[in-house]
């Protein structure tokens, strides 16, 4: 590969890495309703994080939290909870959309 081709390839890879760095953390979504259930980034200061013990999606007292052992999304008996190994409607993990590219780098799993 010549010098111009190598420079182009390096530039393309750097641009792609930059675009991917702008994407946010993966999110939890209720697959039946599409309801957002929080970000999975692990940032305890993010208001939308499941790791924020004082936030809507991370508090053990919030109805929308997977950390509430008595709530719809946190109970080990709920069909909508990731804490129930037999749940058929557990939240889906969805990768963020990369700005400018309009693609999801990873499929939800």
N, C-alpha and C. Protein backbone atom coordinates (compact mmCIF):
# COMPACT_ATOMS: atom_id res chain seq x y z
N UNK A 1 0.85 -1.17 0.00
CA UNK A 1 0.00 0.00 0.00
C UNK A 1 0.90 1.23 0.00
N UNK A 2 0.55 2.22 -0.82
CA UNK A 2 1.35 3.43 -0.90
C UNK A 2 1.05 4.37 0.27
N UNK A 3 1.83 5.44 0.35
CA UNK A 3 1.71 6.37 1.47
C UNK A 3 0.34 7.05 1.53
N UNK A 4 -0.21 7.43 0.37
CA UNK A 4 -1.52 8.08 0.35
C UNK A 4 -2.62 7.12 0.82
N UNK A 5 -2.53 5.88 0.39
CA UNK A 5 -3.52 4.88 0.80
C UNK A 5 -3.47 4.61 2.30
N UNK A 6 -2.26 4.55 2.83
CA UNK A 6 -2.09 4.34 4.27
C UNK A 6 -2.63 5.53 5.06
N UNK A 7 -2.33 6.73 4.60
CA UNK A 7 -2.83 7.94 5.28
C UNK A 7 -4.35 7.99 5.25
N UNK A 8 -4.94 7.64 4.11
CA UNK A 8 -6.40 7.63 4.01
C UNK A 8 -7.00 6.61 4.98
N UNK A 9 -6.42 5.42 5.03
CA UNK A 9 -6.94 4.37 5.91
C UNK A 9 -6.83 4.79 7.38
N UNK A 10 -5.71 5.36 7.77
CA UNK A 10 -5.53 5.82 9.15
C UNK A 10 -6.54 6.92 9.47
N UNK A 11 -6.74 7.86 8.55
CA UNK A 11 -7.72 8.92 8.77
C UNK A 11 -9.13 8.39 8.90
N UNK A 12 -9.47 7.41 8.07
CA UNK A 12 -10.79 6.80 8.13
C UNK A 12 -11.01 6.10 9.47
N UNK A 13 -10.01 5.36 9.92
CA UNK A 13 -10.12 4.67 11.21
C UNK A 13 -10.23 5.66 12.37
N UNK A 14 -9.49 6.75 12.32
CA UNK A 14 -9.58 7.76 13.38
C UNK A 14 -10.96 8.43 13.38
N UNK A 15 -11.50 8.71 12.20
CA UNK A 15 -12.84 9.31 12.12
C UNK A 15 -13.89 8.36 12.68
N UNK A 16 -13.78 7.08 12.35
CA UNK A 16 -14.73 6.09 12.87
C UNK A 16 -14.61 5.97 14.39
N UNK A 17 -13.39 5.95 14.90
CA UNK A 17 -13.19 5.87 16.35
C UNK A 17 -13.79 7.09 17.05
N UNK A 18 -13.65 8.27 16.44
CA UNK A 18 -14.22 9.48 17.01
C UNK A 18 -15.74 9.39 17.04
N UNK A 19 -16.36 8.96 15.95
CA UNK A 19 -17.82 8.82 15.90
C UNK A 19 -18.31 7.83 16.95
N UNK A 20 -17.61 6.72 17.11
CA UNK A 20 -18.02 5.72 18.10
C UNK A 20 -17.87 6.25 19.52
N UNK A 21 -16.89 7.13 19.74
CA UNK A 21 -16.70 7.69 21.08
C UNK A 21 -17.84 8.64 21.46
N UNK A 22 -18.54 9.18 20.47
CA UNK A 22 -19.67 10.08 20.73
C UNK A 22 -20.93 9.33 21.13
N UNK A 23 -20.97 8.05 20.85
CA UNK A 23 -22.15 7.25 21.19
C UNK A 23 -22.23 7.11 22.71
N UNK A 24 -23.43 7.11 23.23
CA UNK A 24 -23.63 6.98 24.66
C UNK A 24 -23.55 5.53 25.10
N UNK A 25 -23.84 5.29 26.36
CA UNK A 25 -23.80 3.92 26.89
C UNK A 25 -25.00 3.10 26.40
N UNK A 26 -24.90 1.79 26.46
CA UNK A 26 -26.06 0.95 26.12
C UNK A 26 -27.22 1.26 27.07
N UNK A 27 -28.42 0.99 26.62
CA UNK A 27 -29.61 1.28 27.41
C UNK A 27 -30.46 0.03 27.59
N UNK A 28 -31.27 0.05 28.66
CA UNK A 28 -32.26 -1.00 28.89
C UNK A 28 -33.60 -0.51 28.37
N UNK A 29 -34.29 -1.36 27.63
CA UNK A 29 -35.59 -1.03 27.06
C UNK A 29 -36.54 -2.19 27.33
N UNK A 30 -37.78 -1.86 27.71
CA UNK A 30 -38.81 -2.90 27.84
C UNK A 30 -39.22 -3.28 26.42
N UNK A 31 -38.97 -4.53 26.01
CA UNK A 31 -39.25 -4.90 24.62
C UNK A 31 -40.74 -4.88 24.25
N UNK A 32 -41.62 -5.06 25.21
CA UNK A 32 -43.06 -5.06 24.91
C UNK A 32 -43.61 -3.66 24.70
N UNK A 33 -43.11 -2.70 25.47
CA UNK A 33 -43.67 -1.34 25.41
C UNK A 33 -42.72 -0.32 24.81
N UNK A 34 -41.43 -0.64 24.74
CA UNK A 34 -40.43 0.32 24.27
C UNK A 34 -40.02 1.32 25.33
N UNK A 35 -40.47 1.12 26.56
CA UNK A 35 -40.17 2.05 27.66
C UNK A 35 -38.68 2.01 28.00
N UNK A 36 -38.08 3.20 28.11
CA UNK A 36 -36.68 3.35 28.50
C UNK A 36 -36.54 3.04 29.98
N UNK A 37 -35.56 2.19 30.34
CA UNK A 37 -35.36 1.79 31.73
C UNK A 37 -33.99 2.15 32.28
N UNK A 38 -33.26 3.01 31.58
CA UNK A 38 -31.99 3.50 32.10
C UNK A 38 -30.79 3.13 31.24
N UNK A 39 -29.70 3.86 31.49
CA UNK A 39 -28.42 3.61 30.83
C UNK A 39 -27.61 2.61 31.64
N UNK A 40 -26.81 1.81 30.94
CA UNK A 40 -25.98 0.79 31.60
C UNK A 40 -24.52 1.18 31.69
N UNK A 41 -24.19 2.43 31.56
CA UNK A 41 -22.80 2.86 31.52
C UNK A 41 -22.02 2.69 32.80
N UNK A 42 -22.68 2.51 33.92
CA UNK A 42 -21.97 2.38 35.19
C UNK A 42 -21.63 3.72 35.82
N UNK A 43 -22.07 4.83 35.24
CA UNK A 43 -21.78 6.15 35.77
C UNK A 43 -22.78 6.49 36.88
N UNK A 44 -22.33 6.50 38.11
CA UNK A 44 -23.23 6.76 39.23
C UNK A 44 -23.69 8.21 39.31
N UNK A 45 -23.11 9.09 38.48
CA UNK A 45 -23.51 10.50 38.48
C UNK A 45 -24.46 10.83 37.32
N UNK A 46 -24.67 9.89 36.42
CA UNK A 46 -25.60 10.07 35.30
C UNK A 46 -27.02 9.92 35.84
N UNK A 47 -27.85 10.94 35.65
CA UNK A 47 -29.22 10.91 36.17
C UNK A 47 -30.03 9.75 35.60
N UNK A 48 -29.68 9.26 34.42
CA UNK A 48 -30.42 8.17 33.78
C UNK A 48 -29.74 6.81 33.92
N UNK A 49 -28.74 6.72 34.75
CA UNK A 49 -27.99 5.48 34.89
C UNK A 49 -28.63 4.51 35.89
N UNK A 50 -28.56 3.23 35.58
CA UNK A 50 -29.02 2.21 36.52
C UNK A 50 -28.05 2.08 37.69
N UNK A 51 -26.89 2.73 37.58
CA UNK A 51 -25.89 2.71 38.66
C UNK A 51 -26.00 3.89 39.61
N UNK A 52 -26.91 4.83 39.33
CA UNK A 52 -27.10 5.99 40.19
C UNK A 52 -28.12 5.63 41.28
N UNK A 53 -27.66 5.46 42.53
CA UNK A 53 -28.57 5.02 43.59
C UNK A 53 -29.64 6.04 43.96
N UNK A 54 -29.51 7.28 43.47
CA UNK A 54 -30.49 8.31 43.78
C UNK A 54 -31.34 8.68 42.56
N UNK A 55 -31.08 8.07 41.43
CA UNK A 55 -31.79 8.41 40.20
C UNK A 55 -33.02 7.54 39.97
N UNK A 56 -33.81 7.95 39.00
CA UNK A 56 -35.06 7.27 38.68
C UNK A 56 -34.84 5.81 38.27
N UNK A 57 -33.74 5.54 37.57
CA UNK A 57 -33.52 4.19 37.05
C UNK A 57 -32.55 3.36 37.89
N UNK A 58 -31.97 3.96 38.92
CA UNK A 58 -31.02 3.22 39.74
C UNK A 58 -31.43 3.07 41.19
N UNK A 59 -32.39 3.85 41.63
CA UNK A 59 -32.83 3.81 43.03
C UNK A 59 -33.54 2.51 43.35
N UNK A 60 -33.29 2.01 44.54
CA UNK A 60 -33.97 0.78 44.97
C UNK A 60 -35.43 1.05 45.34
N UNK A 61 -35.85 2.32 45.31
CA UNK A 61 -37.22 2.67 45.66
C UNK A 61 -38.06 3.10 44.46
N UNK A 62 -37.44 3.31 43.31
CA UNK A 62 -38.15 3.79 42.12
C UNK A 62 -38.89 2.65 41.42
N UNK A 63 -40.10 2.94 40.98
CA UNK A 63 -40.90 1.94 40.26
C UNK A 63 -40.29 1.58 38.90
N UNK A 64 -39.47 2.47 38.34
CA UNK A 64 -38.86 2.24 37.02
C UNK A 64 -37.46 1.64 37.10
N UNK A 65 -37.03 1.24 38.28
CA UNK A 65 -35.66 0.77 38.48
C UNK A 65 -35.55 -0.76 38.49
N UNK A 66 -34.51 -1.27 37.84
CA UNK A 66 -34.22 -2.71 37.91
C UNK A 66 -33.59 -3.07 39.26
N UNK A 67 -33.28 -2.06 40.05
CA UNK A 67 -32.69 -2.28 41.38
C UNK A 67 -33.72 -2.30 42.50
N UNK A 68 -35.00 -2.14 42.16
CA UNK A 68 -36.07 -2.17 43.15
C UNK A 68 -36.58 -3.61 43.26
N UNK A 69 -36.26 -4.30 44.37
CA UNK A 69 -36.64 -5.71 44.49
C UNK A 69 -38.15 -5.95 44.57
N UNK A 70 -38.93 -4.88 44.75
CA UNK A 70 -40.38 -5.02 44.83
C UNK A 70 -41.09 -4.44 43.60
N UNK A 71 -40.33 -3.89 42.66
CA UNK A 71 -40.91 -3.26 41.48
C UNK A 71 -41.06 -4.20 40.30
N UNK A 72 -41.77 -3.73 39.30
CA UNK A 72 -42.04 -4.51 38.10
C UNK A 72 -40.76 -4.94 37.39
N UNK A 73 -39.75 -4.06 37.37
CA UNK A 73 -38.54 -4.36 36.62
C UNK A 73 -37.39 -4.88 37.49
N UNK A 74 -37.60 -4.99 38.80
CA UNK A 74 -36.53 -5.47 39.67
C UNK A 74 -36.86 -6.72 40.46
N UNK A 75 -38.13 -7.06 40.55
CA UNK A 75 -38.55 -8.22 41.34
C UNK A 75 -38.07 -9.53 40.71
N UNK A 76 -37.68 -10.45 41.54
CA UNK A 76 -37.24 -11.74 41.00
C UNK A 76 -38.43 -12.60 40.56
N UNK A 77 -39.64 -12.13 40.82
CA UNK A 77 -40.84 -12.87 40.41
C UNK A 77 -41.53 -12.26 39.19
N UNK A 78 -41.15 -11.06 38.81
CA UNK A 78 -41.81 -10.36 37.70
C UNK A 78 -41.36 -10.91 36.34
N UNK A 79 -42.31 -11.02 35.43
CA UNK A 79 -42.01 -11.46 34.07
C UNK A 79 -41.24 -10.39 33.29
N UNK A 80 -41.18 -9.16 33.82
CA UNK A 80 -40.49 -8.05 33.15
C UNK A 80 -39.13 -7.75 33.76
N UNK A 81 -38.62 -8.62 34.60
CA UNK A 81 -37.40 -8.34 35.35
C UNK A 81 -36.21 -9.17 34.87
N UNK A 82 -35.04 -8.52 34.77
CA UNK A 82 -33.83 -9.29 34.45
C UNK A 82 -33.39 -10.17 35.62
N UNK A 83 -33.97 -9.95 36.79
CA UNK A 83 -33.63 -10.74 37.98
C UNK A 83 -34.42 -12.04 38.06
N UNK A 84 -35.33 -12.25 37.13
CA UNK A 84 -36.10 -13.49 37.06
C UNK A 84 -35.54 -14.33 35.92
N UNK A 85 -34.88 -15.46 36.23
CA UNK A 85 -34.27 -16.26 35.17
C UNK A 85 -35.29 -16.86 34.19
N UNK A 86 -36.56 -16.87 34.55
CA UNK A 86 -37.60 -17.44 33.69
C UNK A 86 -38.45 -16.38 32.99
N UNK A 87 -38.09 -15.12 33.14
CA UNK A 87 -38.85 -14.02 32.53
C UNK A 87 -38.83 -14.13 31.01
N UNK A 88 -39.96 -13.89 30.41
CA UNK A 88 -40.05 -13.92 28.95
C UNK A 88 -40.10 -12.52 28.35
N UNK A 89 -40.15 -11.50 29.20
CA UNK A 89 -40.16 -10.12 28.73
C UNK A 89 -39.14 -9.28 29.50
N UNK A 90 -37.98 -9.87 29.76
CA UNK A 90 -36.93 -9.13 30.46
C UNK A 90 -36.45 -7.97 29.59
N UNK A 91 -35.97 -6.88 30.20
CA UNK A 91 -35.49 -5.74 29.41
C UNK A 91 -34.40 -6.14 28.43
N UNK A 92 -34.42 -5.49 27.27
CA UNK A 92 -33.41 -5.72 26.24
C UNK A 92 -32.31 -4.68 26.38
N UNK A 93 -31.08 -5.10 26.11
CA UNK A 93 -29.96 -4.18 26.09
C UNK A 93 -29.83 -3.69 24.66
N UNK A 94 -29.87 -2.36 24.49
CA UNK A 94 -29.83 -1.77 23.16
C UNK A 94 -28.62 -0.86 23.06
N UNK A 95 -27.84 -1.05 22.00
CA UNK A 95 -26.67 -0.22 21.77
C UNK A 95 -27.12 1.16 21.28
N UNK A 96 -26.37 2.20 21.62
CA UNK A 96 -26.73 3.54 21.18
C UNK A 96 -26.50 3.72 19.68
N UNK A 97 -27.20 4.65 19.09
CA UNK A 97 -26.99 5.00 17.69
C UNK A 97 -25.80 5.93 17.60
N UNK A 98 -24.92 5.70 16.64
CA UNK A 98 -23.75 6.55 16.46
C UNK A 98 -24.18 7.82 15.74
N UNK A 99 -23.95 9.01 16.34
CA UNK A 99 -24.35 10.26 15.69
C UNK A 99 -23.68 10.43 14.33
N UNK A 100 -24.43 10.89 13.37
CA UNK A 100 -23.87 11.14 12.05
C UNK A 100 -23.87 9.92 11.15
N UNK A 101 -23.82 8.74 11.72
CA UNK A 101 -23.78 7.53 10.90
C UNK A 101 -25.14 6.86 10.82
N UNK A 102 -25.97 7.07 11.86
CA UNK A 102 -27.29 6.48 11.86
C UNK A 102 -27.29 4.97 11.96
N UNK A 103 -26.23 4.40 12.53
CA UNK A 103 -26.16 2.95 12.68
C UNK A 103 -25.99 2.59 14.14
N UNK A 104 -26.31 1.37 14.47
CA UNK A 104 -26.03 0.87 15.80
C UNK A 104 -24.79 -0.01 15.69
N UNK A 105 -23.71 0.30 16.43
CA UNK A 105 -22.49 -0.48 16.31
C UNK A 105 -22.63 -1.91 16.79
N UNK A 106 -23.56 -2.16 17.71
CA UNK A 106 -23.80 -3.50 18.22
C UNK A 106 -25.30 -3.76 18.22
N UNK A 107 -25.72 -4.96 17.89
CA UNK A 107 -27.14 -5.24 18.02
C UNK A 107 -27.51 -5.37 19.49
N UNK A 108 -28.77 -5.11 19.84
CA UNK A 108 -29.21 -5.35 21.21
C UNK A 108 -29.08 -6.83 21.52
N UNK A 109 -28.70 -7.14 22.75
CA UNK A 109 -28.56 -8.56 23.10
C UNK A 109 -29.21 -8.87 24.40
